[in-house]
Amino acid sequence: MKLFFKEHALLIAVQIVQFFIILAIYWLDGYRHLLPALYGIFLGLFFLTAYLAYHYFSRRKFYKRLTEELASLDDSFQTTENSPVSQALDHLLKDQYRHYQTRIKELESRQEEHLKFMDQWVHQMKTPLSVIELIAQNLDEPDSSSIREETDRMKTGLNTILYMARLRTIEQDFHIKPVHLSKIIHEVNGENKRFYIRNGVYPNLLQEKQDMIVETDEKWLFFMLSQLINNAVKYSRGKSNRIDISILEKDGEAVLEVKDFGAGIPEADKRRVFEPFFTGENGRKFMESTGMGLYLTKEAADHLGHRIELESKMGEGSLFRLIFGKTQNLTGL
């Protein structure tokens, strides 16, 4: 209704001005009879009102369509009245929809090609890194350790790139199944043995129960835990020689905690640590942060239906808590 009156406001104003101009002309010409003049105005307003009413009710679907938001793209194919303007709008929306669909398919095809390339490239890069590691084993110290340290960093970076690429199609990449938390922790610790030794920080596993089973994606959980442990060790170096990895059950939910006793996170940075490419004060100080690890961890947790919480205090360390909901906690079932 508002759109209709906005469109016809000028017509209504012109008609009213026209009535007064005609009356003024007759008045100046000496015609002083008021009742016939008022009757003439009444007839003019009556026909104007009748025209506007007919125009509105014959096109109310058209105006309603223009004012209401589309619930989906398929609503673009709705038809309105048979008036020329309505048909022109229908034709325009259908053309736009077809162009949009064509463009989307082109972008999806390019994205798929890009993801395939990234996946292949990462795996190809891992092969020469493994060869370099084997060669480094035959070298004397400290050259051997230095080379393996750099190859470990490169592997971590490549894995981050790979998971970042997979994030775009994360729903298709999931394989949900029962996972033993202690098993995943031991696998991550085994993968990071040299990383622990190199930094002088070692994991301390705390378990309330010996066997905690959750429903999740094993590959993505391995990645999330690796990111949390990597950060914990990195920001504990030189301040503490241990991190605590805890498995516990709280209010029917399974909880996986990674706690360090290192630098801690500034209060101003807490709300932004899960944003992409945000490095914060610690990232600038330690110069080893890409700003993508916690972002990918948070995105994966959200897609899997897990929650991630953060507690931290400057100079005392940080605690990251990965929470599996009651329906995802299979312990004891």
Protein backbone atom coordinates (compact mmCIF):
# COMPACT_ATOMS: atom_id res chain seq x y z
CA MET A 1 0.00 0.00 0.00
CA LYS A 2 2.81 2.43 0.88
CA LEU A 3 4.59 1.70 -2.40
CA PHE A 4 1.36 2.29 -4.31
CA PHE A 5 0.80 5.71 -2.74
CA LYS A 6 4.45 6.66 -3.23
CA GLU A 7 4.15 5.82 -6.93
CA HIS A 8 0.90 7.83 -7.37
CA ALA A 9 1.61 10.71 -4.98
CA LEU A 10 2.56 13.02 -7.87
CA LEU A 11 -0.62 12.13 -9.80
CA ILE A 12 -2.82 12.89 -6.77
CA ALA A 13 -1.03 16.18 -6.13
CA VAL A 14 -1.33 17.27 -9.77
CA GLN A 15 -5.05 16.46 -9.83
CA ILE A 16 -5.71 18.48 -6.67
CA VAL A 17 -3.70 21.45 -7.97
CA GLN A 18 -5.59 21.18 -11.27
CA PHE A 19 -8.97 21.39 -9.47
CA PHE A 20 -7.92 24.55 -7.65
CA ILE A 21 -6.54 26.13 -10.82
CA ILE A 22 -9.82 25.51 -12.67
CA LEU A 23 -11.78 26.97 -9.74
CA ALA A 24 -9.48 29.97 -9.65
CA ILE A 25 -9.98 30.59 -13.37
CA TYR A 26 -13.78 30.49 -13.03
CA TRP A 27 -13.58 32.69 -9.93
CA LEU A 28 -11.46 35.30 -11.68
CA ASP A 29 -13.79 35.17 -14.66
CA GLY A 30 -16.67 36.23 -12.42
CA TYR A 31 -18.34 32.89 -11.85
CA ARG A 32 -19.25 33.02 -8.12
CA HIS A 33 -21.58 30.05 -7.60
CA LEU A 34 -19.96 27.83 -4.94
CA LEU A 35 -22.17 24.74 -4.96
CA PRO A 36 -21.65 23.80 -8.66
CA ALA A 37 -17.92 24.30 -8.14
CA LEU A 38 -17.89 22.01 -5.11
CA TYR A 39 -19.94 19.46 -7.02
CA GLY A 40 -17.39 19.57 -9.83
CA ILE A 41 -14.56 18.98 -7.34
CA PHE A 42 -16.48 16.10 -5.79
CA LEU A 43 -16.95 14.43 -9.20
CA GLY A 44 -13.26 14.90 -10.01
CA LEU A 45 -12.16 13.38 -6.69
CA PHE A 46 -14.67 10.55 -7.09
CA PHE A 47 -13.32 9.52 -10.49
CA LEU A 48 -9.71 9.91 -9.26
CA THR A 49 -10.47 7.69 -6.24
CA ALA A 50 -12.23 5.14 -8.43
CA TYR A 51 -9.26 5.03 -10.80
CA LEU A 52 -6.74 4.62 -7.96
CA ALA A 53 -8.84 1.92 -6.28
CA TYR A 54 -9.16 -0.05 -9.52
CA HIS A 55 -5.46 0.38 -10.27
CA TYR A 56 -4.45 -0.81 -6.79
CA PHE A 57 -6.74 -3.84 -6.50
CA SER A 58 -5.90 -4.97 -10.03
CA ARG A 59 -2.16 -4.86 -9.22
CA ARG A 60 -2.01 -5.54 -5.49
CA LYS A 61 -0.09 -8.82 -6.03
CA PHE A 62 2.46 -6.88 -8.05
CA TYR A 63 2.99 -4.28 -5.31
CA LYS A 64 3.06 -6.99 -2.64
CA ARG A 65 5.75 -8.84 -4.54
CA LEU A 66 7.86 -5.68 -4.80
CA THR A 67 7.68 -4.95 -1.07
CA GLU A 68 8.15 -8.47 0.38
CA GLU A 69 11.52 -10.20 0.57
CA LEU A 70 12.09 -13.36 -1.42
CA ALA A 71 12.19 -16.49 0.73
CA SER A 72 14.34 -18.27 -1.87
CA LEU A 73 15.73 -17.75 -5.35
CA ASP A 74 13.02 -19.96 -6.79
CA ASP A 75 10.49 -17.30 -5.81
CA SER A 76 11.86 -15.25 -8.72
CA PHE A 77 9.72 -17.41 -11.00
CA GLN A 78 6.46 -16.34 -9.40
CA THR A 79 4.06 -14.72 -11.83
CA THR A 80 1.92 -11.69 -11.02
CA GLU A 81 -0.71 -9.95 -13.14
CA ASN A 82 -0.82 -9.80 -16.92
CA SER A 83 -0.11 -6.09 -17.04
CA PRO A 84 2.87 -5.02 -19.20
CA VAL A 85 4.90 -3.79 -16.21
CA SER A 86 4.32 -7.03 -14.27
CA GLN A 87 5.28 -9.18 -17.23
CA ALA A 88 8.39 -7.07 -17.81
CA LEU A 89 9.39 -7.55 -14.17
CA ASP A 90 8.84 -11.33 -14.38
CA HIS A 91 10.97 -11.48 -17.49
CA LEU A 92 13.74 -9.40 -15.87
CA LEU A 93 13.85 -11.55 -12.72
CA LYS A 94 13.96 -14.77 -14.73
CA ASP A 95 16.83 -13.43 -16.84
CA GLN A 96 18.71 -12.35 -13.71
CA TYR A 97 18.13 -15.76 -12.13
CA ARG A 98 19.51 -17.56 -15.18
CA HIS A 99 22.58 -15.29 -15.28
CA TYR A 100 23.07 -15.84 -11.56
CA GLN A 101 22.86 -19.63 -11.87
CA THR A 102 25.31 -19.64 -14.78
CA ARG A 103 27.76 -17.50 -12.85
CA ILE A 104 27.44 -19.64 -9.72
CA LYS A 105 28.15 -22.82 -11.68
CA GLU A 106 31.24 -21.20 -13.20
CA LEU A 107 32.51 -20.15 -9.76
CA GLU A 108 31.79 -23.58 -8.26
CA SER A 109 33.70 -25.24 -11.09
CA ARG A 110 36.68 -22.92 -10.55
CA GLN A 111 36.56 -23.51 -6.81
CA GLU A 112 36.51 -27.26 -7.27
CA GLU A 113 39.51 -27.07 -9.60
CA HIS A 114 41.31 -24.85 -7.08
CA LEU A 115 40.64 -27.27 -4.23
CA LYS A 116 41.88 -30.21 -6.29
CA PHE A 117 45.03 -28.30 -7.17
CA MET A 118 45.65 -27.33 -3.52
CA ASP A 119 45.09 -30.90 -2.36
CA GLN A 120 47.46 -32.34 -4.96
CA TRP A 121 50.06 -29.63 -4.38
CA VAL A 122 50.13 -30.18 -0.61
CA HIS A 123 50.57 -33.93 -1.01
CA GLN A 124 53.28 -33.41 -3.63
CA MET A 125 55.16 -31.07 -1.28
CA LYS A 126 55.04 -33.61 1.54
CA THR A 127 57.09 -36.09 -0.51
CA PRO A 128 60.23 -33.92 -0.89
CA LEU A 129 59.90 -32.90 2.78
CA SER A 130 60.00 -36.56 3.80
CA VAL A 131 63.11 -37.05 1.62
CA ILE A 132 64.77 -34.04 3.24
CA GLU A 133 64.03 -35.50 6.68
CA LEU A 134 65.64 -38.82 5.72
CA ILE A 135 68.72 -37.01 4.43
CA ALA A 136 68.88 -34.91 7.60
CA GLN A 137 69.07 -38.07 9.75
CA ASN A 138 72.51 -38.80 8.30
CA LEU A 139 73.83 -35.34 9.13
CA ASP A 140 75.62 -34.36 12.30
CA GLU A 141 74.04 -32.26 15.02
CA PRO A 142 72.98 -29.48 15.23
CA ASP A 143 72.43 -29.38 11.45
CA SER A 144 70.15 -32.43 11.52
CA SER A 145 67.85 -31.00 14.22
CA SER A 146 67.71 -27.61 12.54
CA ILE A 147 66.66 -29.07 9.20
CA ARG A 148 64.02 -31.33 10.77
CA GLU A 149 62.68 -28.39 12.78
CA GLU A 150 62.17 -26.40 9.59
CA THR A 151 60.57 -29.34 7.78
CA ASP A 152 58.16 -29.79 10.70
CA ARG A 153 57.17 -26.14 10.39
CA MET A 154 56.64 -26.56 6.67
CA LYS A 155 54.48 -29.65 7.26
CA THR A 156 52.37 -27.73 9.76
CA GLY A 157 51.92 -24.92 7.27
CA LEU A 158 51.00 -27.31 4.47
CA ASN A 159 48.43 -29.06 6.65
CA THR A 160 46.90 -25.69 7.55
CA ILE A 161 46.60 -24.84 3.85
CA LEU A 162 45.04 -28.23 3.14
CA TYR A 163 42.43 -27.94 5.89
CA MET A 164 41.72 -24.35 4.94
CA ALA A 165 40.92 -25.51 1.41
CA ARG A 166 38.75 -28.35 2.72
CA LEU A 167 36.84 -25.95 4.96
CA ARG A 168 34.91 -24.65 1.94
CA THR A 169 33.40 -28.09 1.39
CA ILE A 170 33.54 -29.20 5.00
CA GLU A 171 30.08 -30.81 5.01
CA GLN A 172 31.15 -33.25 2.28
CA ASP A 173 34.45 -33.92 4.07
CA PHE A 174 32.92 -35.18 7.33
CA HIS A 175 32.88 -38.82 8.38
CA ILE A 176 31.11 -39.01 11.73
CA LYS A 177 31.83 -42.08 13.88
CA PRO A 178 32.61 -43.05 17.50
CA VAL A 179 36.09 -41.82 18.46
CA HIS A 180 38.14 -42.64 21.58
CA LEU A 181 39.52 -39.38 22.94
CA SER A 182 42.52 -40.99 24.63
CA LYS A 183 43.47 -42.68 21.34
CA ILE A 184 43.38 -39.36 19.47
CA ILE A 185 45.47 -37.68 22.18
CA HIS A 186 48.14 -40.38 22.01
CA GLU A 187 48.24 -40.10 18.21
CA VAL A 188 48.64 -36.32 18.35
CA ASN A 189 51.33 -36.62 21.02
CA GLY A 190 53.16 -39.19 18.91
CA GLU A 191 53.01 -36.90 15.89
CA ASN A 192 54.44 -34.01 17.92
CA LYS A 193 57.21 -35.80 19.83
CA ARG A 194 60.02 -33.82 18.23
CA PHE A 195 58.00 -30.62 18.64
CA TYR A 196 57.73 -31.23 22.40
CA ILE A 197 61.42 -32.06 22.77
CA ARG A 198 62.53 -29.10 20.66
CA ASN A 199 60.54 -26.63 22.76
CA GLY A 200 61.18 -28.28 26.13
CA VAL A 201 57.44 -28.50 26.83
CA TYR A 202 55.80 -31.87 27.52
CA PRO A 203 52.18 -33.04 27.69
CA ASN A 204 50.58 -34.22 30.92
CA LEU A 205 47.45 -36.33 30.36
CA LEU A 206 44.71 -36.17 33.00
CA GLN A 207 41.72 -38.52 32.74
CA GLU A 208 38.67 -38.88 34.94
CA LYS A 209 37.67 -41.98 33.00
CA GLN A 210 39.87 -44.38 31.11
CA ASP A 211 37.64 -44.62 28.07
CA MET A 212 35.78 -41.53 26.84
CA ILE A 213 34.04 -42.03 23.49
CA VAL A 214 32.50 -39.21 21.46
CA GLU A 215 30.76 -38.98 18.13
CA THR A 216 32.79 -36.78 15.79
CA ASP A 217 35.03 -36.72 12.73
CA GLU A 218 38.36 -38.31 13.65
CA LYS A 219 40.44 -36.47 11.05
CA TRP A 220 39.09 -33.02 11.93
CA LEU A 221 39.37 -33.74 15.68
CA PHE A 222 43.02 -34.68 15.15
CA PHE A 223 43.53 -31.35 13.39
CA MET A 224 41.71 -29.31 16.05
CA LEU A 225 43.60 -30.91 18.92
CA SER A 226 46.90 -30.46 17.06
CA GLN A 227 46.20 -26.76 16.65
CA LEU A 228 45.35 -26.29 20.33
CA ILE A 229 48.44 -28.21 21.45
CA ASN A 230 50.66 -26.37 18.97
CA ASN A 231 49.55 -23.01 20.38
CA ALA A 232 49.86 -24.21 23.97
CA VAL A 233 53.44 -25.39 23.45
CA LYS A 234 54.45 -22.36 21.39
CA TYR A 235 53.31 -19.84 23.99
CA SER A 236 54.67 -21.90 26.93
CA ARG A 237 58.20 -22.11 25.62
CA GLY A 238 60.63 -20.54 28.09
CA LYS A 239 57.90 -20.05 30.72
CA SER A 240 56.73 -23.58 31.58
CA ASN A 241 57.83 -27.12 30.82
CA ARG A 242 54.39 -28.71 30.64
CA ILE A 243 50.88 -28.47 29.26
CA ASP A 244 47.87 -30.32 30.68
CA ILE A 245 45.55 -32.29 28.40
CA SER A 246 42.43 -33.30 30.30
CA ILE A 247 39.48 -35.56 29.51
CA LEU A 248 36.46 -35.19 31.76
CA GLU A 249 32.70 -35.40 31.86
CA LYS A 250 30.55 -32.48 33.01
CA ASP A 251 26.74 -32.34 33.08
CA GLY A 252 26.57 -35.32 30.73
CA GLU A 253 28.90 -33.67 28.19
CA ALA A 254 32.38 -34.86 27.26
CA VAL A 255 35.05 -32.20 27.65
CA LEU A 256 38.56 -32.11 26.18
CA GLU A 257 40.79 -29.43 27.70
CA VAL A 258 44.21 -28.13 26.69
CA LYS A 259 45.79 -25.93 29.34
CA ASP A 260 49.13 -24.16 29.23
CA PHE A 261 51.01 -22.09 31.80
CA GLY A 262 52.58 -19.65 29.40
CA ALA A 263 52.10 -16.10 28.19
CA GLY A 264 48.31 -15.94 28.32
CA ILE A 265 46.07 -13.91 26.03
CA PRO A 266 45.46 -10.17 26.53
CA GLU A 267 41.90 -9.28 27.46
CA ALA A 268 41.51 -7.14 24.34
CA ASP A 269 42.45 -10.09 22.09
CA LYS A 270 40.17 -12.75 23.60
CA ARG A 271 37.09 -11.88 21.56
CA ARG A 272 39.06 -11.87 18.30
CA VAL A 273 41.32 -14.93 18.58
CA PHE A 274 38.91 -17.01 16.48
CA GLU A 275 38.79 -14.47 13.63
CA PRO A 276 40.71 -15.35 10.41
CA PHE A 277 44.24 -13.93 10.10
CA PHE A 278 44.11 -12.32 13.56
CA THR A 279 47.49 -12.73 15.26
CA GLY A 280 47.09 -10.38 18.21
CA GLU A 281 49.77 -9.20 20.61
CA ASN A 282 51.24 -12.68 21.18
CA GLY A 283 51.37 -13.40 17.46
CA ARG A 284 53.37 -10.25 16.81
CA LYS A 285 55.64 -10.97 19.78
CA PHE A 286 56.40 -14.63 18.92
CA MET A 287 56.36 -14.02 15.14
CA GLU A 288 55.11 -17.57 14.38
CA SER A 289 51.37 -17.06 14.10
CA THR A 290 49.39 -17.20 10.87
CA GLY A 291 46.10 -16.32 12.54
CA MET A 292 44.36 -19.28 10.88
CA GLY A 293 44.78 -22.16 13.33
CA LEU A 294 42.15 -21.12 15.89
CA TYR A 295 39.85 -19.86 13.14
CA LEU A 296 39.86 -23.26 11.42
CA THR A 297 39.43 -24.98 14.78
CA LYS A 298 36.38 -22.87 15.63
CA GLU A 299 34.82 -23.33 12.18
CA ALA A 300 35.30 -27.10 12.28
CA ALA A 301 33.88 -27.30 15.82
CA ASP A 302 30.81 -25.27 14.81
CA HIS A 303 30.14 -27.48 11.78
CA LEU A 304 30.54 -30.62 13.89
CA GLY A 305 28.18 -29.28 16.54
CA HIS A 306 30.88 -28.96 19.21
CA ARG A 307 31.50 -25.92 21.41
CA ILE A 308 34.84 -24.32 22.10
CA GLU A 309 35.52 -22.12 25.12
CA LEU A 310 38.48 -20.01 26.16
CA GLU A 311 39.79 -18.93 29.54
CA SER A 312 43.02 -16.98 29.84
CA LYS A 313 44.90 -14.59 32.07
CA MET A 314 48.00 -12.65 31.10
CA GLY A 315 51.18 -14.20 32.49
CA GLU A 316 49.38 -17.27 33.84
CA GLY A 317 48.40 -19.20 30.70
CA SER A 318 45.35 -20.21 28.71
CA LEU A 319 42.73 -22.95 28.76
CA PHE A 320 40.91 -24.09 25.64
CA ARG A 321 37.93 -26.34 26.20
CA LEU A 322 36.40 -28.47 23.41
CA ILE A 323 32.92 -29.62 24.47
CA PHE A 324 30.97 -32.51 22.97
CA GLY A 325 27.20 -32.31 23.58
CA LYS A 326 25.19 -34.89 25.47
CA THR A 327 24.07 -36.60 22.27
CA GLN A 328 27.70 -36.76 21.09
CA ASN A 329 28.98 -38.24 24.36
CA LEU A 330 28.80 -41.99 23.84
CA THR A 331 30.60 -42.94 27.05
CA GLY A 332 28.69 -45.60 28.92
CA LEU A 333 26.14 -46.18 26.15
